[in-house]
Amino acid sequence: MTEYFTYDKPFQTESGAVLPSLTIAYDTFGTLNSDKSNVIWVCHALTANSDVADWWPHTVEEGCFLDPEKYFTVCANFLGSHYGTTGPLSVNPATGEPWYGDFPLVTVRDMVRCHQILAEHLGIERVKLLIGSSIGGFQCLEWCVMQPDFAERAAFIATTPRTKPWASAFNESQRMIMEGDPTFGERSAEAGLNGMATARSLALLSYRGGMAYDKTQEDENPNEASFNRRVMSYQRYQGEKLRRRFNAYSYYRLSQAVDSHNLGRGRGRVEDVLQQIRAKSLVVAITSDILFPPSDHNILVDNIPDVEYHLIDSDFGHDGFLVEHKQLNDIILNFLKE
């Protein structure tokens, strides 16, 4: 069950904006042991939530790397999201109404600072494993630099220390689509949802890639010409699915947070910053990932001092970290046993 922590102090974002207070939504699984040595902290991906069992298949189960009989797993919904933590639909105390499009720009570092506030509230000073995929990996990398002794081990999956132009291009095109929705900008929770649905269908191309589409969305009779192909309904379904559960202003701001990600910002060369990571680290890439391809992970492997690398063979692109749960589970269980 999701819990909520209220932080009744001002929180200043990296952009200089001040949030008068914070609400942080989080879920826990399992039981914390007496010496607090069995904590695993999960940082979630873009439109996921704090309920890991809801979106990461076959992880919070017996015999899996988030086994609730062995580990106490914590996952906090990050700043700016739509699932309980302070975001665009939260009430701005200065106006008495939701922030909507006025919600300030936030960065991955802002998200991590919120996690740190929650960890302090929960009395967690160190975790056995800090793990995240995609923007969850961004958070883990930042956390390992911002608080080097917090994680005994860290797993960075399908991620990168700096968002490159290729990934930002997808985000900017999505924002252009949302801006083209005539309702975007209205002070309403329903604003921009049609534009967001279309944007999501574009994003899915980067999450899956050609091999996944050709493997799963082929027509029943591929030799027959048709104006109604299976993949068309799939794209619309994926857009509609997000439209029903998310908010356009959150989606817009989170895409900007992804673009802001740069581990070296204000610190120096990314390579030098990575060498500051003290956690025993695991880097996992996916063969067909076109958003953060395996080559993007080389900089992590070459510069993190204590690191091991695994490449998951999958046709499902960036989403392979969700689909290939058997391969990922074996890798992480072995990493935890070492």
Foldseek 3Di string as FASTA:
>chain_A
DKDKDKAQDWDAAPVGDIQRIKIKIKDKAADQDPVRAQEEEFEEDDQDARPCCVFFPPACDPPFVNPNPRHIYMYIGFDQWDHTIDHQQDARVVVRGGNQLVTDFHALLSRLVVVVVVCVVVVQQAYAEYEYEASRLLNQLLNCLVRVRRYQEYEYEPYFQAQDPVLLVLLVVLVVQLVPQVQRPPRDQLGSLVSNLLSQLSVQCLQFPDLNCVVPFQAPDNVDDDPDGRVVVVSNVSSVVCSVPGGPSSSSSSSVNNNPRHNCVVPHDPLVSLCSRDHQYEYEAECQAPRCHPVSCVSNVVRNPHYDYDYHYDNGYSCCSRVVSVVVRVVVVVVSVD
